[in-house]
């Protein structure tokens, strides 16, 4: 039987989502807990791979289990008791045997949070933005992403990705509170470091150091060295995954 798991996590304590030798990752923490509860080695497959320090409001993973799970609610409670305070599993439910958490996802949405004032509540999970950023100019530049297919300029160098082609359907800075802005971007898939590189380059536009036309040229050059610096990871959230 195949099951989907919906969960969230704070990324700071982990070396990203994907299992890596000698590192504590979100995937390895969940697999260890699941293996303990099920009393055999268990593996999970996530809807994506977040980088070190990146958070997830929603992550979806699948795993196989035989015999069927008698009580999914009890399994959720048992896992939450083992995975630690930085991971929360919200739901486990049966799906068809050919369902796939990664390949069946039709879109993913990321949020990047920026705050202009000092806050004892926002600082661990946001970026302190300078005053005077031109969000209108940043949105003009962000609109160009909707007509872009090749995102090589925003892809991590020397990654093992087979293609840098993505389809972005939404990209915009939105004001969500007094001095709080969020960059929302939705696409069918994302490359390693892509969102943080996009935001870093948009911030160059907002600071007046790069024109909207120059942003277009960065996209067309397909050269990571032409784009801006990657932004800090703690302000980035995998916000939703749709199927």
C-alpha atoms as a PDB file:
ATOM      1  CA  UNK A   1       0.000   0.000   0.000  1.00  0.00           C
ATOM      2  CA  UNK A   2       1.194   3.548  -0.723  1.00  0.00           C
ATOM      3  CA  UNK A   3       0.630   6.461   1.624  1.00  0.00           C
ATOM      4  CA  UNK A   4       1.037  10.221   1.383  1.00  0.00           C
ATOM      5  CA  UNK A   5       2.376  12.163   4.353  1.00  0.00           C
ATOM      6  CA  UNK A   6       1.808  15.897   4.814  1.00  0.00           C
ATOM      7  CA  UNK A   7       4.222  17.708   7.093  1.00  0.00           C
ATOM      8  CA  UNK A   8       5.927  20.998   7.922  1.00  0.00           C
ATOM      9  CA  UNK A   9       9.330  21.862   9.322  1.00  0.00           C
ATOM     10  CA  UNK A  10      11.695  24.604  10.384  1.00  0.00           C
ATOM     11  CA  UNK A  11      14.810  24.289   8.262  1.00  0.00           C
ATOM     12  CA  UNK A  12      17.494  25.808  10.503  1.00  0.00           C
ATOM     13  CA  UNK A  13      18.450  22.603  12.384  1.00  0.00           C
ATOM     14  CA  UNK A  14      18.738  20.505   9.216  1.00  0.00           C
ATOM     15  CA  UNK A  15      21.146  20.119   6.324  1.00  0.00           C
ATOM     16  CA  UNK A  16      18.307  20.387   3.843  1.00  0.00           C
ATOM     17  CA  UNK A  17      15.610  17.855   2.992  1.00  0.00           C
ATOM     18  CA  UNK A  18      17.506  15.114   1.177  1.00  0.00           C
ATOM     19  CA  UNK A  19      19.457  12.377   2.968  1.00  0.00           C
ATOM     20  CA  UNK A  20      23.212  13.001   2.930  1.00  0.00           C
ATOM     21  CA  UNK A  21      25.984  10.903   4.493  1.00  0.00           C
ATOM     22  CA  UNK A  22      26.933  12.136   7.937  1.00  0.00           C
ATOM     23  CA  UNK A  23      24.330  14.933   7.990  1.00  0.00           C
ATOM     24  CA  UNK A  24      21.023  15.373   9.815  1.00  0.00           C
ATOM     25  CA  UNK A  25      18.334  16.110   7.236  1.00  0.00           C
ATOM     26  CA  UNK A  26      14.551  16.290   7.367  1.00  0.00           C
ATOM     27  CA  UNK A  27      14.216  13.150   5.271  1.00  0.00           C
ATOM     28  CA  UNK A  28      16.644  11.152   7.421  1.00  0.00           C
ATOM     29  CA  UNK A  29      14.939  12.261  10.650  1.00  0.00           C
ATOM     30  CA  UNK A  30      11.541  11.109   9.378  1.00  0.00           C
ATOM     31  CA  UNK A  31      12.893   7.860   7.951  1.00  0.00           C
ATOM     32  CA  UNK A  32      14.580   7.041  11.270  1.00  0.00           C
ATOM     33  CA  UNK A  33      11.346   7.679  13.160  1.00  0.00           C
ATOM     34  CA  UNK A  34       9.224   5.749  10.663  1.00  0.00           C
ATOM     35  CA  UNK A  35      11.646   2.814  10.742  1.00  0.00           C
ATOM     36  CA  UNK A  36      11.489   2.767  14.546  1.00  0.00           C
ATOM     37  CA  UNK A  37       7.704   2.740  14.620  1.00  0.00           C
ATOM     38  CA  UNK A  38       7.303   0.209  11.795  1.00  0.00           C
ATOM     39  CA  UNK A  39      10.211  -1.934  13.088  1.00  0.00           C
ATOM     40  CA  UNK A  40      11.823  -2.235   9.673  1.00  0.00           C
ATOM     41  CA  UNK A  41      13.747   0.012   7.308  1.00  0.00           C
ATOM     42  CA  UNK A  42      11.475   2.591   5.719  1.00  0.00           C
ATOM     43  CA  UNK A  43      12.170   5.103   2.938  1.00  0.00           C
ATOM     44  CA  UNK A  44      10.186   8.170   1.898  1.00  0.00           C
ATOM     45  CA  UNK A  45      10.116  10.232  -1.307  1.00  0.00           C
ATOM     46  CA  UNK A  46       9.473  13.962  -1.029  1.00  0.00           C
ATOM     47  CA  UNK A  47       7.717  16.350  -3.393  1.00  0.00           C
ATOM     48  CA  UNK A  48      10.932  18.349  -3.667  1.00  0.00           C
ATOM     49  CA  UNK A  49      14.277  19.053  -2.057  1.00  0.00           C
ATOM     50  CA  UNK A  50      14.656  22.176   0.053  1.00  0.00           C
ATOM     51  CA  UNK A  51      18.145  23.533   0.708  1.00  0.00           C
ATOM     52  CA  UNK A  52      19.888  23.860   4.056  1.00  0.00           C
ATOM     53  CA  UNK A  53      17.983  26.215   6.361  1.00  0.00           C
ATOM     54  CA  UNK A  54      14.885  26.511   4.142  1.00  0.00           C
ATOM     55  CA  UNK A  55      11.509  25.963   5.819  1.00  0.00           C
ATOM     56  CA  UNK A  56       8.368  24.197   4.658  1.00  0.00           C
ATOM     57  CA  UNK A  57       4.837  25.135   5.594  1.00  0.00           C
ATOM     58  CA  UNK A  58       3.728  22.194   3.458  1.00  0.00           C
ATOM     59  CA  UNK A  59       5.816  19.270   2.271  1.00  0.00           C
ATOM     60  CA  UNK A  60       4.348  16.065   0.881  1.00  0.00           C
ATOM     61  CA  UNK A  61       6.116  12.704   0.858  1.00  0.00           C
ATOM     62  CA  UNK A  62       5.092   9.148   0.029  1.00  0.00           C
ATOM     63  CA  UNK A  63       6.099   5.745   1.336  1.00  0.00           C
ATOM     64  CA  UNK A  64       5.069   2.122   0.833  1.00  0.00           C
ATOM     65  CA  UNK A  65       3.898  -0.179   3.585  1.00  0.00           C
ATOM     66  CA  UNK A  66       2.794  -3.811   3.688  1.00  0.00           C
ATOM     67  CA  UNK A  67       0.604  -4.841   5.480  1.00  0.00           C
ATOM     68  CA  UNK A  68      -1.703  -1.800   5.397  1.00  0.00           C
ATOM     69  CA  UNK A  69      -1.580   0.697   8.260  1.00  0.00           C
ATOM     70  CA  UNK A  70      -4.407  -0.033  10.693  1.00  0.00           C
ATOM     71  CA  UNK A  71      -4.598   3.456  12.236  1.00  0.00           C
ATOM     72  CA  UNK A  72      -3.030   6.393  10.361  1.00  0.00           C
ATOM     73  CA  UNK A  73      -3.917   8.833  13.144  1.00  0.00           C
ATOM     74  CA  UNK A  74      -2.008   6.760  15.681  1.00  0.00           C
ATOM     75  CA  UNK A  75       0.980   6.571  13.342  1.00  0.00           C
ATOM     76  CA  UNK A  76       0.971  10.388  13.047  1.00  0.00           C
ATOM     77  CA  UNK A  77       1.001  10.727  16.829  1.00  0.00           C
ATOM     78  CA  UNK A  78       3.795   8.184  17.248  1.00  0.00           C
ATOM     79  CA  UNK A  79       5.939   9.836  14.607  1.00  0.00           C
ATOM     80  CA  UNK A  80       5.439  13.312  16.060  1.00  0.00           C
ATOM     81  CA  UNK A  81       6.690  11.984  19.395  1.00  0.00           C
ATOM     82  CA  UNK A  82       9.958  10.910  17.726  1.00  0.00           C
ATOM     83  CA  UNK A  83      10.844  13.461  15.035  1.00  0.00           C
ATOM     84  CA  UNK A  84      11.570  16.362  17.397  1.00  0.00           C
ATOM     85  CA  UNK A  85      10.120  19.829  17.825  1.00  0.00           C
ATOM     86  CA  UNK A  86      11.200  21.181  14.414  1.00  0.00           C
ATOM     87  CA  UNK A  87       9.110  18.732  12.353  1.00  0.00           C
ATOM     88  CA  UNK A  88       5.330  18.373  12.509  1.00  0.00           C
ATOM     89  CA  UNK A  89       3.501  15.620  10.654  1.00  0.00           C
ATOM     90  CA  UNK A  90      -0.117  16.607  10.102  1.00  0.00           C
ATOM     91  CA  UNK A  91      -1.627  13.771   8.082  1.00  0.00           C
ATOM     92  CA  UNK A  92      -0.979  10.309   6.602  1.00  0.00           C
ATOM     93  CA  UNK A  93      -3.481   8.851   4.159  1.00  0.00           C
ATOM     94  CA  UNK A  94      -3.711   6.029   1.642  1.00  0.00           C
ATOM     95  CA  UNK A  95      -3.353   6.785  -2.078  1.00  0.00           C
ATOM     96  CA  UNK A  96      -3.316   4.685  -5.233  1.00  0.00           C
ATOM     97  CA  UNK A  97      -0.239   2.473  -5.670  1.00  0.00           C
ATOM     98  CA  UNK A  98       1.032   4.519  -8.619  1.00  0.00           C
ATOM     99  CA  UNK A  99       0.700   7.933  -6.920  1.00  0.00           C
ATOM    100  CA  UNK A 100       3.987   9.803  -6.617  1.00  0.00           C
ATOM    101  CA  UNK A 101       4.653  12.722  -4.272  1.00  0.00           C
ATOM    102  CA  UNK A 102       7.185  14.299  -6.631  1.00  0.00           C
ATOM    103  CA  UNK A 103       6.143  13.432 -10.160  1.00  0.00           C
ATOM    104  CA  UNK A 104       2.396  13.886  -9.658  1.00  0.00           C
ATOM    105  CA  UNK A 105       2.760  17.400  -8.230  1.00  0.00           C
ATOM    106  CA  UNK A 106       1.496  19.986 -10.722  1.00  0.00           C
ATOM    107  CA  UNK A 107       2.904  23.058  -8.979  1.00  0.00           C
ATOM    108  CA  UNK A 108       4.874  24.277  -5.984  1.00  0.00           C
ATOM    109  CA  UNK A 109       4.661  27.689  -4.335  1.00  0.00           C
ATOM    110  CA  UNK A 110       7.407  29.390  -2.348  1.00  0.00           C
ATOM    111  CA  UNK A 111       7.216  32.463  -0.097  1.00  0.00           C
ATOM    112  CA  UNK A 112      10.164  34.686   0.784  1.00  0.00           C
ATOM    113  CA  UNK A 113       9.561  37.061   3.713  1.00  0.00           C
ATOM    114  CA  UNK A 114      11.142  40.504   4.069  1.00  0.00           C
ATOM    115  CA  UNK A 115      10.545  42.902   6.966  1.00  0.00           C
ATOM    116  CA  UNK A 116      11.561  46.555   7.035  1.00  0.00           C
ATOM    117  CA  UNK A 117      11.424  47.112  10.797  1.00  0.00           C
ATOM    118  CA  UNK A 118      13.012  45.425  13.783  1.00  0.00           C
ATOM    119  CA  UNK A 119      10.881  42.658  15.271  1.00  0.00           C
ATOM    120  CA  UNK A 120      11.634  40.123  18.008  1.00  0.00           C
ATOM    121  CA  UNK A 121       9.115  37.793  16.363  1.00  0.00           C
ATOM    122  CA  UNK A 122       9.918  37.935  12.653  1.00  0.00           C
ATOM    123  CA  UNK A 123      13.715  37.975  12.670  1.00  0.00           C
ATOM    124  CA  UNK A 124      14.359  34.199  12.909  1.00  0.00           C
ATOM    125  CA  UNK A 125      12.235  33.505   9.813  1.00  0.00           C
ATOM    126  CA  UNK A 126      12.605  36.598   7.642  1.00  0.00           C
ATOM    127  CA  UNK A 127      15.131  38.872   5.958  1.00  0.00           C
ATOM    128  CA  UNK A 128      15.727  42.397   7.260  1.00  0.00           C
ATOM    129  CA  UNK A 129      15.084  44.512   4.186  1.00  0.00           C
ATOM    130  CA  UNK A 130      16.589  47.983   3.811  1.00  0.00           C
ATOM    131  CA  UNK A 131      14.304  50.986   3.653  1.00  0.00           C
ATOM    132  CA  UNK A 132      13.490  52.401   0.254  1.00  0.00           C
ATOM    133  CA  UNK A 133      13.309  49.257  -1.875  1.00  0.00           C
ATOM    134  CA  UNK A 134      11.319  49.926  -5.051  1.00  0.00           C
ATOM    135  CA  UNK A 135       8.779  47.098  -4.952  1.00  0.00           C
ATOM    136  CA  UNK A 136       7.033  48.372  -8.088  1.00  0.00           C
ATOM    137  CA  UNK A 137      10.275  48.005 -10.061  1.00  0.00           C
ATOM    138  CA  UNK A 138      10.870  44.580  -8.539  1.00  0.00           C
ATOM    139  CA  UNK A 139       7.394  43.502  -9.649  1.00  0.00           C
ATOM    140  CA  UNK A 140       8.034  44.775 -13.173  1.00  0.00           C
ATOM    141  CA  UNK A 141      11.146  42.620 -13.264  1.00  0.00           C
ATOM    142  CA  UNK A 142       9.379  39.659 -11.650  1.00  0.00           C
ATOM    143  CA  UNK A 143       6.715  39.731 -14.378  1.00  0.00           C
ATOM    144  CA  UNK A 144       9.427  38.805 -16.893  1.00  0.00           C
ATOM    145  CA  UNK A 145       9.756  35.421 -15.174  1.00  0.00           C
ATOM    146  CA  UNK A 146       6.335  34.418 -16.483  1.00  0.00           C
ATOM    147  CA  UNK A 147       7.659  34.553 -20.039  1.00  0.00           C
ATOM    148  CA  UNK A 148      10.890  32.731 -19.179  1.00  0.00           C
ATOM    149  CA  UNK A 149      11.489  29.022 -19.735  1.00  0.00           C
ATOM    150  CA  UNK A 150      15.243  28.593 -19.175  1.00  0.00           C
ATOM    151  CA  UNK A 151      16.291  29.514 -15.614  1.00  0.00           C
ATOM    152  CA  UNK A 152      19.998  28.718 -15.921  1.00  0.00           C
ATOM    153  CA  UNK A 153      20.878  32.209 -14.652  1.00  0.00           C
ATOM    154  CA  UNK A 154      19.255  31.343 -11.320  1.00  0.00           C
ATOM    155  CA  UNK A 155      20.388  27.723 -11.009  1.00  0.00           C
ATOM    156  CA  UNK A 156      23.084  26.478  -8.665  1.00  0.00           C
ATOM    157  CA  UNK A 157      26.361  25.941 -10.510  1.00  0.00           C
ATOM    158  CA  UNK A 158      27.520  22.359 -11.102  1.00  0.00           C
ATOM    159  CA  UNK A 159      24.194  20.875  -9.997  1.00  0.00           C
ATOM    160  CA  UNK A 160      23.168  17.458 -11.324  1.00  0.00           C
ATOM    161  CA  UNK A 161      19.922  18.776 -12.838  1.00  0.00           C
ATOM    162  CA  UNK A 162      19.205  17.417 -16.307  1.00  0.00           C
ATOM    163  CA  UNK A 163      17.278  20.493 -17.437  1.00  0.00           C
ATOM    164  CA  UNK A 164      16.875  24.092 -16.271  1.00  0.00           C
ATOM    165  CA  UNK A 165      13.482  24.488 -17.927  1.00  0.00           C
ATOM    166  CA  UNK A 166      10.676  25.618 -15.591  1.00  0.00           C
ATOM    167  CA  UNK A 167       7.244  27.172 -16.059  1.00  0.00           C
ATOM    168  CA  UNK A 168       6.559  30.037 -13.642  1.00  0.00           C
ATOM    169  CA  UNK A 169       2.868  30.940 -13.408  1.00  0.00           C
ATOM    170  CA  UNK A 170       3.007  33.570 -10.632  1.00  0.00           C
ATOM    171  CA  UNK A 171       5.772  35.831  -9.318  1.00  0.00           C
ATOM    172  CA  UNK A 172       5.038  38.952  -7.300  1.00  0.00           C
ATOM    173  CA  UNK A 173       5.976  40.919  -4.177  1.00  0.00           C
ATOM    174  CA  UNK A 174       2.935  41.426  -1.939  1.00  0.00           C
ATOM    175  CA  UNK A 175       2.575  43.604   1.147  1.00  0.00           C
ATOM    176  CA  UNK A 176       1.030  41.491   3.904  1.00  0.00           C
ATOM    177  CA  UNK A 177       1.389  43.763   6.921  1.00  0.00           C
ATOM    178  CA  UNK A 178       2.980  46.906   8.307  1.00  0.00           C
ATOM    179  CA  UNK A 179       6.545  46.704   7.016  1.00  0.00           C
ATOM    180  CA  UNK A 180       6.138  43.059   5.957  1.00  0.00           C
ATOM    181  CA  UNK A 181       6.525  41.965   2.340  1.00  0.00           C
ATOM    182  CA  UNK A 182       6.444  38.502   0.823  1.00  0.00           C
ATOM    183  CA  UNK A 183       7.650  37.374  -2.577  1.00  0.00           C
ATOM    184  CA  UNK A 184       5.288  34.681  -3.870  1.00  0.00           C
ATOM    185  CA  UNK A 185       6.367  32.459  -6.741  1.00  0.00           C
ATOM    186  CA  UNK A 186       4.607  29.428  -8.216  1.00  0.00           C
ATOM    187  CA  UNK A 187       6.028  27.061 -10.838  1.00  0.00           C
ATOM    188  CA  UNK A 188       5.729  23.499 -12.029  1.00  0.00           C
ATOM    189  CA  UNK A 189       9.233  22.820 -10.694  1.00  0.00           C
ATOM    190  CA  UNK A 190      12.160  24.659  -9.126  1.00  0.00           C
ATOM    191  CA  UNK A 191      15.921  24.331  -9.453  1.00  0.00           C
ATOM    192  CA  UNK A 192      18.359  24.199  -6.558  1.00  0.00           C
ATOM    193  CA  UNK A 193      18.864  27.698  -5.131  1.00  0.00           C
ATOM    194  CA  UNK A 194      16.541  29.142  -7.780  1.00  0.00           C
ATOM    195  CA  UNK A 195      14.161  31.159  -5.582  1.00  0.00           C
ATOM    196  CA  UNK A 196      16.916  32.649  -3.431  1.00  0.00           C
ATOM    197  CA  UNK A 197      18.849  33.653  -6.558  1.00  0.00           C
ATOM    198  CA  UNK A 198      15.746  35.198  -8.145  1.00  0.00           C
ATOM    199  CA  UNK A 199      14.998  37.183  -4.974  1.00  0.00           C
ATOM    200  CA  UNK A 200      18.607  38.326  -4.673  1.00  0.00           C
ATOM    201  CA  UNK A 201      18.548  39.624  -8.238  1.00  0.00           C
ATOM    202  CA  UNK A 202      15.184  41.325  -7.751  1.00  0.00           C
ATOM    203  CA  UNK A 203      16.576  43.083  -4.684  1.00  0.00           C
ATOM    204  CA  UNK A 204      19.317  44.519  -6.908  1.00  0.00           C
ATOM    205  CA  UNK A 205      16.505  45.992  -9.011  1.00  0.00           C
ATOM    206  CA  UNK A 206      14.771  47.305  -5.902  1.00  0.00           C
ATOM    207  CA  UNK A 207      17.970  49.003  -4.737  1.00  0.00           C
ATOM    208  CA  UNK A 208      18.356  50.733  -8.089  1.00  0.00           C
ATOM    209  CA  UNK A 209      21.567  48.858  -8.871  1.00  0.00           C
ATOM    210  CA  UNK A 210      19.964  46.971 -11.770  1.00  0.00           C
ATOM    211  CA  UNK A 211      17.343  48.141 -14.255  1.00  0.00           C
ATOM    212  CA  UNK A 212      14.372  46.047 -15.340  1.00  0.00           C
ATOM    213  CA  UNK A 213      15.942  45.799 -18.782  1.00  0.00           C
ATOM    214  CA  UNK A 214      19.185  44.604 -17.227  1.00  0.00           C
ATOM    215  CA  UNK A 215      17.194  41.958 -15.338  1.00  0.00           C
ATOM    216  CA  UNK A 216      15.866  40.771 -18.707  1.00  0.00           C
ATOM    217  CA  UNK A 217      19.442  40.551 -20.000  1.00  0.00           C
ATOM    218  CA  UNK A 218      20.470  38.481 -16.976  1.00  0.00           C
ATOM    219  CA  UNK A 219      17.746  35.968 -17.828  1.00  0.00           C
ATOM    220  CA  UNK A 220      18.773  35.837 -21.472  1.00  0.00           C
ATOM    221  CA  UNK A 221      22.474  35.348 -20.702  1.00  0.00           C
ATOM    222  CA  UNK A 222      21.783  32.010 -18.970  1.00  0.00           C
ATOM    223  CA  UNK A 223      24.772  32.606 -16.737  1.00  0.00           C
ATOM    224  CA  UNK A 224      24.540  32.271 -12.951  1.00  0.00           C
ATOM    225  CA  UNK A 225      27.448  34.699 -12.543  1.00  0.00           C
ATOM    226  CA  UNK A 226      25.345  37.447 -14.152  1.00  0.00           C
ATOM    227  CA  UNK A 227      22.602  37.232 -11.519  1.00  0.00           C
ATOM    228  CA  UNK A 228      22.552  38.572  -7.978  1.00  0.00           C
ATOM    229  CA  UNK A 229      23.667  36.979  -4.730  1.00  0.00           C
ATOM    230  CA  UNK A 230      21.560  34.221  -3.191  1.00  0.00           C
ATOM    231  CA  UNK A 231      19.460  35.415  -0.281  1.00  0.00           C
ATOM    232  CA  UNK A 232      19.654  33.968   3.256  1.00  0.00           C
ATOM    233  CA  UNK A 233      17.659  30.721   3.592  1.00  0.00           C
ATOM    234  CA  UNK A 234      15.756  31.312   6.838  1.00  0.00           C
ATOM    235  CA  UNK A 235      13.184  33.597   5.155  1.00  0.00           C
ATOM    236  CA  UNK A 236      12.225  31.050   2.481  1.00  0.00           C
ATOM    237  CA  UNK A 237       9.266  28.694   2.848  1.00  0.00           C
ATOM    238  CA  UNK A 238       7.967  25.938   0.626  1.00  0.00           C
ATOM    239  CA  UNK A 239       4.409  27.178   1.040  1.00  0.00           C
ATOM    240  CA  UNK A 240       2.256  24.717  -0.886  1.00  0.00           C
ATOM    241  CA  UNK A 241       2.311  21.712  -3.212  1.00  0.00           C
ATOM    242  CA  UNK A 242      -0.635  21.011  -5.510  1.00  0.00           C
ATOM    243  CA  UNK A 243      -1.710  17.803  -7.258  1.00  0.00           C
END
